[in-house]
Amino acid sequence: MNALENQGLVELAGREDRAELSALEGRPVRWAARLSPYGYDTLAYGQSRPRSEPLPGEAAPDRQLVEMIPS
């Protein structure tokens, strides 16, 4: 979670928010996080990108293969 927070994708809950969540859950909540607006945008972008592999039953797009020779 810390890496996601450092990238601005999530916001970690503070002490007051965790206390409120603990009361609602009836158990201690040691940590909690929610998506930041940037995190929501990142998810939306990830879901809207075209797939690199076709779904089962779909025809694969025509691709040219390139053979690499060792240097």
PDB file of N, CA and C in Angstrom:
ATOM      1  N   MET A   1       0.810  -1.187   0.000  1.00  0.00           N
ATOM      2  CA  MET A   1       0.000   0.000   0.000  1.00  0.00           C
ATOM      3  C   MET A   1       0.858   1.259   0.000  1.00  0.00           C
ATOM      4  N   ASN A   2       1.985   1.206   0.667  1.00  0.00           N
ATOM      5  CA  ASN A   2       2.838   2.405   0.717  1.00  0.00           C
ATOM      6  C   ASN A   2       3.321   2.804  -0.670  1.00  0.00           C
ATOM      7  N   ALA A   3       3.628   1.807  -1.502  1.00  0.00           N
ATOM      8  CA  ALA A   3       4.076   2.123  -2.863  1.00  0.00           C
ATOM      9  C   ALA A   3       2.949   2.781  -3.654  1.00  0.00           C
ATOM     10  N   LEU A   4       1.718   2.282  -3.486  1.00  0.00           N
ATOM     11  CA  LEU A   4       0.576   2.883  -4.178  1.00  0.00           C
ATOM     12  C   LEU A   4       0.303   4.291  -3.666  1.00  0.00           C
ATOM     13  N   GLU A   5       0.478   4.471  -2.365  1.00  0.00           N
ATOM     14  CA  GLU A   5       0.297   5.806  -1.797  1.00  0.00           C
ATOM     15  C   GLU A   5       1.362   6.770  -2.336  1.00  0.00           C
ATOM     16  N   ASN A   6       2.601   6.303  -2.421  1.00  0.00           N
ATOM     17  CA  ASN A   6       3.678   7.143  -2.940  1.00  0.00           C
ATOM     18  C   ASN A   6       3.439   7.549  -4.399  1.00  0.00           C
ATOM     19  N   GLN A   7       2.725   6.712  -5.153  1.00  0.00           N
ATOM     20  CA  GLN A   7       2.416   7.021  -6.545  1.00  0.00           C
ATOM     21  C   GLN A   7       1.145   7.851  -6.677  1.00  0.00           C
ATOM     22  N   GLY A   8       0.475   8.100  -5.551  1.00  0.00           N
ATOM     23  CA  GLY A   8      -0.735   8.915  -5.579  1.00  0.00           C
ATOM     24  C   GLY A   8      -1.980   8.163  -6.008  1.00  0.00           C
ATOM     25  N   LEU A   9      -1.928   6.821  -5.984  1.00  0.00           N
ATOM     26  CA  LEU A   9      -3.070   6.026  -6.428  1.00  0.00           C
ATOM     27  C   LEU A   9      -4.078   5.758  -5.317  1.00  0.00           C
ATOM     28  N   VAL A  10      -3.627   5.761  -4.066  1.00  0.00           N
ATOM     29  CA  VAL A  10      -4.521   5.531  -2.933  1.00  0.00           C
ATOM     30  C   VAL A  10      -4.243   6.551  -1.841  1.00  0.00           C
ATOM     31  N   GLU A  11      -5.240   6.707  -0.965  1.00  0.00           N
ATOM     32  CA  GLU A  11      -5.090   7.544   0.226  1.00  0.00           C
ATOM     33  C   GLU A  11      -5.291   6.642   1.425  1.00  0.00           C
ATOM     34  N   LEU A  12      -4.333   6.622   2.343  1.00  0.00           N
ATOM     35  CA  LEU A  12      -4.461   5.804   3.538  1.00  0.00           C
ATOM     36  C   LEU A  12      -5.321   6.528   4.564  1.00  0.00           C
ATOM     37  N   ALA A  13      -6.130   5.758   5.277  1.00  0.00           N
ATOM     38  CA  ALA A  13      -7.016   6.333   6.285  1.00  0.00           C
ATOM     39  C   ALA A  13      -6.214   6.759   7.505  1.00  0.00           C
ATOM     40  N   GLY A  14      -6.619   7.879   8.089  1.00  0.00           N
ATOM     41  CA  GLY A  14      -5.987   8.372   9.301  1.00  0.00           C
ATOM     42  C   GLY A  14      -6.573   7.689  10.533  1.00  0.00           C
ATOM     43  N   ARG A  15      -6.077   8.076  11.684  1.00  0.00           N
ATOM     44  CA  ARG A  15      -6.495   7.473  12.949  1.00  0.00           C
ATOM     45  C   ARG A  15      -8.003   7.616  13.180  1.00  0.00           C
ATOM     46  N   GLU A  16      -8.537   8.804  12.925  1.00  0.00           N
ATOM     47  CA  GLU A  16      -9.968   9.032  13.158  1.00  0.00           C
ATOM     48  C   GLU A  16     -10.834   8.171  12.235  1.00  0.00           C
ATOM     49  N   ASP A  17     -10.441   8.085  10.975  1.00  0.00           N
ATOM     50  CA  ASP A  17     -11.197   7.257  10.028  1.00  0.00           C
ATOM     51  C   ASP A  17     -11.144   5.785  10.426  1.00  0.00           C
ATOM     52  N   ARG A  18      -9.971   5.315  10.859  1.00  0.00           N
ATOM     53  CA  ARG A  18      -9.844   3.917  11.277  1.00  0.00           C
ATOM     54  C   ARG A  18     -10.674   3.637  12.526  1.00  0.00           C
ATOM     55  N   ALA A  19     -10.739   4.607  13.448  1.00  0.00           N
ATOM     56  CA  ALA A  19     -11.554   4.433  14.649  1.00  0.00           C
ATOM     57  C   ALA A  19     -13.029   4.330  14.269  1.00  0.00           C
ATOM     58  N   GLU A  20     -13.468   5.152  13.335  1.00  0.00           N
ATOM     59  CA  GLU A  20     -14.862   5.096  12.882  1.00  0.00           C
ATOM     60  C   GLU A  20     -15.161   3.767  12.189  1.00  0.00           C
ATOM     61  N   LEU A  21     -14.235   3.320  11.350  1.00  0.00           N
ATOM     62  CA  LEU A  21     -14.406   2.032  10.679  1.00  0.00           C
ATOM     63  C   LEU A  21     -14.423   0.887  11.683  1.00  0.00           C
ATOM     64  N   SER A  22     -13.580   0.969  12.720  1.00  0.00           N
ATOM     65  CA  SER A  22     -13.549  -0.062  13.762  1.00  0.00           C
ATOM     66  C   SER A  22     -14.888  -0.148  14.468  1.00  0.00           C
ATOM     67  N   ALA A  23     -15.498   0.990  14.753  1.00  0.00           N
ATOM     68  CA  ALA A  23     -16.804   1.010  15.413  1.00  0.00           C
ATOM     69  C   ALA A  23     -17.873   0.386  14.515  1.00  0.00           C
ATOM     70  N   LEU A  24     -17.812   0.681  13.227  1.00  0.00           N
ATOM     71  CA  LEU A  24     -18.783   0.116  12.289  1.00  0.00           C
ATOM     72  C   LEU A  24     -18.610  -1.384  12.105  1.00  0.00           C
ATOM     73  N   GLU A  25     -17.358  -1.829  12.069  1.00  0.00           N
ATOM     74  CA  GLU A  25     -17.064  -3.243  11.839  1.00  0.00           C
ATOM     75  C   GLU A  25     -17.176  -4.088  13.107  1.00  0.00           C
ATOM     76  N   GLY A  26     -17.053  -3.443  14.260  1.00  0.00           N
ATOM     77  CA  GLY A  26     -17.077  -4.193  15.512  1.00  0.00           C
ATOM     78  C   GLY A  26     -15.790  -4.945  15.787  1.00  0.00           C
ATOM     79  N   ARG A  27     -14.739  -4.525  15.150  1.00  0.00           N
ATOM     80  CA  ARG A  27     -13.401  -5.125  15.341  1.00  0.00           C
ATOM     81  C   ARG A  27     -12.370  -4.058  15.015  1.00  0.00           C
ATOM     82  N   PRO A  28     -11.142  -4.244  15.488  1.00  0.00           N
ATOM     83  CA  PRO A  28     -10.118  -3.233  15.183  1.00  0.00           C
ATOM     84  C   PRO A  28      -9.764  -3.216  13.690  1.00  0.00           C
ATOM     85  N   VAL A  29      -9.719  -2.043  13.112  1.00  0.00           N
ATOM     86  CA  VAL A  29      -9.272  -1.863  11.727  1.00  0.00           C
ATOM     87  C   VAL A  29      -7.892  -1.222  11.808  1.00  0.00           C
ATOM     88  N   ARG A  30      -6.874  -1.994  11.479  1.00  0.00           N
ATOM     89  CA  ARG A  30      -5.497  -1.523  11.625  1.00  0.00           C
ATOM     90  C   ARG A  30      -5.069  -0.599  10.487  1.00  0.00           C
ATOM     91  N   TRP A  31      -5.605  -0.814   9.291  1.00  0.00           N
ATOM     92  CA  TRP A  31      -5.293   0.069   8.174  1.00  0.00           C
ATOM     93  C   TRP A  31      -6.453   0.040   7.192  1.00  0.00           C
ATOM     94  N   ALA A  32      -6.581   1.084   6.446  1.00  0.00           N
ATOM     95  CA  ALA A  32      -7.594   1.179   5.399  1.00  0.00           C
ATOM     96  C   ALA A  32      -7.096   2.157   4.350  1.00  0.00           C
ATOM     97  N   ALA A  33      -7.527   1.932   3.147  1.00  0.00           N
ATOM     98  CA  ALA A  33      -7.126   2.804   2.046  1.00  0.00           C
ATOM     99  C   ALA A  33      -8.294   2.950   1.094  1.00  0.00           C
ATOM    100  N   ARG A  34      -8.301   4.055   0.353  1.00  0.00           N
ATOM    101  CA  ARG A  34      -9.296   4.252  -0.700  1.00  0.00           C
ATOM    102  C   ARG A  34      -8.580   4.805  -1.920  1.00  0.00           C
ATOM    103  N   LEU A  35      -9.181   4.555  -3.075  1.00  0.00           N
ATOM    104  CA  LEU A  35      -8.602   5.064  -4.305  1.00  0.00           C
ATOM    105  C   LEU A  35      -8.650   6.580  -4.325  1.00  0.00           C
ATOM    106  N   SER A  36      -7.594   7.171  -4.807  1.00  0.00           N
ATOM    107  CA  SER A  36      -7.576   8.621  -5.026  1.00  0.00           C
ATOM    108  C   SER A  36      -8.230   8.885  -6.383  1.00  0.00           C
ATOM    109  N   PRO A  37      -8.549  10.134  -6.684  1.00  0.00           N
ATOM    110  CA  PRO A  37      -9.083  10.430  -8.024  1.00  0.00           C
ATOM    111  C   PRO A  37      -8.139   9.943  -9.137  1.00  0.00           C
ATOM    112  N   TYR A  38      -6.854  10.067  -8.918  1.00  0.00           N
ATOM    113  CA  TYR A  38      -5.875   9.579  -9.901  1.00  0.00           C
ATOM    114  C   TYR A  38      -5.935   8.057 -10.002  1.00  0.00           C
ATOM    115  N   GLY A  39      -6.174   7.379  -8.866  1.00  0.00           N
ATOM    116  CA  GLY A  39      -6.307   5.922  -8.876  1.00  0.00           C
ATOM    117  C   GLY A  39      -7.504   5.467  -9.686  1.00  0.00           C
ATOM    118  N   TYR A  40      -8.637   6.192  -9.563  1.00  0.00           N
ATOM    119  CA  TYR A  40      -9.819   5.871 -10.369  1.00  0.00           C
ATOM    120  C   TYR A  40      -9.527   6.054 -11.849  1.00  0.00           C
ATOM    121  N   ASP A  41      -8.830   7.142 -12.191  1.00  0.00           N
ATOM    122  CA  ASP A  41      -8.469   7.378 -13.593  1.00  0.00           C
ATOM    123  C   ASP A  41      -7.582   6.263 -14.116  1.00  0.00           C
ATOM    124  N   THR A  42      -6.653   5.802 -13.283  1.00  0.00           N
ATOM    125  CA  THR A  42      -5.740   4.738 -13.685  1.00  0.00           C
ATOM    126  C   THR A  42      -6.505   3.455 -13.957  1.00  0.00           C
ATOM    127  N   LEU A  43      -7.465   3.108 -13.086  1.00  0.00           N
ATOM    128  CA  LEU A  43      -8.278   1.915 -13.323  1.00  0.00           C
ATOM    129  C   LEU A  43      -9.105   2.041 -14.599  1.00  0.00           C
ATOM    130  N   ALA A  44      -9.705   3.198 -14.808  1.00  0.00           N
ATOM    131  CA  ALA A  44     -10.518   3.407 -16.010  1.00  0.00           C
ATOM    132  C   ALA A  44      -9.660   3.268 -17.258  1.00  0.00           C
ATOM    133  N   TYR A  45      -8.455   3.819 -17.226  1.00  0.00           N
ATOM    134  CA  TYR A  45      -7.548   3.714 -18.368  1.00  0.00           C
ATOM    135  C   TYR A  45      -7.159   2.256 -18.604  1.00  0.00           C
ATOM    136  N   GLY A  46      -6.847   1.542 -17.529  1.00  0.00           N
ATOM    137  CA  GLY A  46      -6.447   0.140 -17.659  1.00  0.00           C
ATOM    138  C   GLY A  46      -7.544  -0.720 -18.248  1.00  0.00           C
ATOM    139  N   GLN A  47      -8.793  -0.421 -17.930  1.00  0.00           N
ATOM    140  CA  GLN A  47      -9.906  -1.201 -18.453  1.00  0.00           C
ATOM    141  C   GLN A  47     -10.278  -0.802 -19.868  1.00  0.00           C
ATOM    142  N   SER A  48      -9.920   0.389 -20.296  1.00  0.00           N
ATOM    143  CA  SER A  48     -10.314   0.853 -21.627  1.00  0.00           C
ATOM    144  C   SER A  48      -9.262   0.545 -22.686  1.00  0.00           C
ATOM    145  N   ARG A  49      -8.078   0.144 -22.272  1.00  0.00           N
ATOM    146  CA  ARG A  49      -7.034  -0.165 -23.254  1.00  0.00           C
ATOM    147  C   ARG A  49      -7.402  -1.412 -24.038  1.00  0.00           C
ATOM    148  N   PRO A  50      -7.061  -1.465 -25.314  1.00  0.00           N
ATOM    149  CA  PRO A  50      -7.346  -2.677 -26.087  1.00  0.00           C
ATOM    150  C   PRO A  50      -6.517  -3.848 -25.568  1.00  0.00           C
ATOM    151  N   ARG A  51      -7.116  -5.018 -25.606  1.00  0.00           N
ATOM    152  CA  ARG A  51      -6.404  -6.217 -25.156  1.00  0.00           C
ATOM    153  C   ARG A  51      -5.329  -6.599 -26.170  1.00  0.00           C
ATOM    154  N   SER A  52      -4.215  -7.106 -25.651  1.00  0.00           N
ATOM    155  CA  SER A  52      -3.141  -7.516 -26.546  1.00  0.00           C
ATOM    156  C   SER A  52      -3.408  -8.904 -27.114  1.00  0.00           C
ATOM    157  N   GLU A  53      -4.223  -9.698 -26.428  1.00  0.00           N
ATOM    158  CA  GLU A  53      -4.547 -11.032 -26.911  1.00  0.00           C
ATOM    159  C   GLU A  53      -6.050 -11.096 -27.177  1.00  0.00           C
ATOM    160  N   PRO A  54      -6.445 -11.793 -28.235  1.00  0.00           N
ATOM    161  CA  PRO A  54      -7.881 -11.890 -28.517  1.00  0.00           C
ATOM    162  C   PRO A  54      -8.591 -12.759 -27.479  1.00  0.00           C
ATOM    163  N   LEU A  55      -9.861 -12.488 -27.284  1.00  0.00           N
ATOM    164  CA  LEU A  55     -10.672 -13.318 -26.406  1.00  0.00           C
ATOM    165  C   LEU A  55     -10.892 -14.671 -27.066  1.00  0.00           C
ATOM    166  N   PRO A  56     -11.195 -15.713 -26.292  1.00  0.00           N
ATOM    167  CA  PRO A  56     -11.456 -17.030 -26.907  1.00  0.00           C
ATOM    168  C   PRO A  56     -12.576 -16.927 -27.947  1.00  0.00           C
ATOM    169  N   GLY A  57     -12.343 -17.508 -29.107  1.00  0.00           N
ATOM    170  CA  GLY A  57     -13.326 -17.470 -30.179  1.00  0.00           C
ATOM    171  C   GLY A  57     -13.135 -16.310 -31.138  1.00  0.00           C
ATOM    172  N   GLU A  58     -12.284 -15.340 -30.787  1.00  0.00           N
ATOM    173  CA  GLU A  58     -12.011 -14.218 -31.690  1.00  0.00           C
ATOM    174  C   GLU A  58     -10.837 -14.561 -32.588  1.00  0.00           C
ATOM    175  N   ALA A  59     -10.848 -14.009 -33.772  1.00  0.00           N
ATOM    176  CA  ALA A  59      -9.721 -14.206 -34.679  1.00  0.00           C
ATOM    177  C   ALA A  59      -8.578 -13.299 -34.263  1.00  0.00           C
ATOM    178  N   ALA A  60      -7.382 -13.825 -34.332  1.00  0.00           N
ATOM    179  CA  ALA A  60      -6.204 -13.023 -33.998  1.00  0.00           C
ATOM    180  C   ALA A  60      -5.938 -12.024 -35.112  1.00  0.00           C
ATOM    181  N   PRO A  61      -5.536 -10.805 -34.771  1.00  0.00           N
ATOM    182  CA  PRO A  61      -5.224  -9.831 -35.819  1.00  0.00           C
ATOM    183  C   PRO A  61      -3.995 -10.272 -36.602  1.00  0.00           C
ATOM    184  N   ASP A  62      -3.943  -9.849 -37.868  1.00  0.00           N
ATOM    185  CA  ASP A  62      -2.781 -10.185 -38.699  1.00  0.00           C
ATOM    186  C   ASP A  62      -1.561  -9.475 -38.139  1.00  0.00           C
ATOM    187  N   ARG A  63      -0.537 -10.258 -37.888  1.00  0.00           N
ATOM    188  CA  ARG A  63       0.709  -9.684 -37.357  1.00  0.00           C
ATOM    189  C   ARG A  63       1.875 -10.211 -38.160  1.00  0.00           C
ATOM    190  N   GLN A  64       2.843  -9.381 -38.334  1.00  0.00           N
ATOM    191  CA  GLN A  64       4.065  -9.813 -38.985  1.00  0.00           C
ATOM    192  C   GLN A  64       5.034 -10.219 -37.891  1.00  0.00           C
ATOM    193  N   LEU A  65       5.677 -11.346 -38.097  1.00  0.00           N
ATOM    194  CA  LEU A  65       6.673 -11.806 -37.154  1.00  0.00           C
ATOM    195  C   LEU A  65       8.050 -11.321 -37.588  1.00  0.00           C
ATOM    196  N   VAL A  66       8.811 -10.915 -36.634  1.00  0.00           N
ATOM    197  CA  VAL A  66      10.181 -10.462 -36.902  1.00  0.00           C
ATOM    198  C   VAL A  66      11.112 -11.378 -36.139  1.00  0.00           C
ATOM    199  N   GLU A  67      12.066 -11.953 -36.852  1.00  0.00           N
ATOM    200  CA  GLU A  67      13.049 -12.819 -36.200  1.00  0.00           C
ATOM    201  C   GLU A  67      14.285 -11.998 -35.868  1.00  0.00           C
ATOM    202  N   MET A  68      14.713 -12.073 -34.623  1.00  0.00           N
ATOM    203  CA  MET A  68      15.903 -11.359 -34.181  1.00  0.00           C
ATOM    204  C   MET A  68      17.110 -12.274 -34.318  1.00  0.00           C
ATOM    205  N   ILE A  69      18.190 -11.723 -34.822  1.00  0.00           N
ATOM    206  CA  ILE A  69      19.413 -12.494 -34.893  1.00  0.00           C
ATOM    207  C   ILE A  69      20.352 -12.042 -33.790  1.00  0.00           C
ATOM    208  N   PRO A  70      21.015 -12.999 -33.157  1.00  0.00           N
ATOM    209  CA  PRO A  70      21.931 -12.633 -32.077  1.00  0.00           C
ATOM    210  C   PRO A  70      23.051 -11.739 -32.591  1.00  0.00           C
ATOM    211  N   SER A  71      23.468 -10.804 -31.766  1.00  0.00           N
ATOM    212  CA  SER A  71      24.552  -9.926 -32.172  1.00  0.00           C
ATOM    213  C   SER A  71      25.871 -10.485 -31.697  1.00  0.00           C
TER     214      SER A  71
END
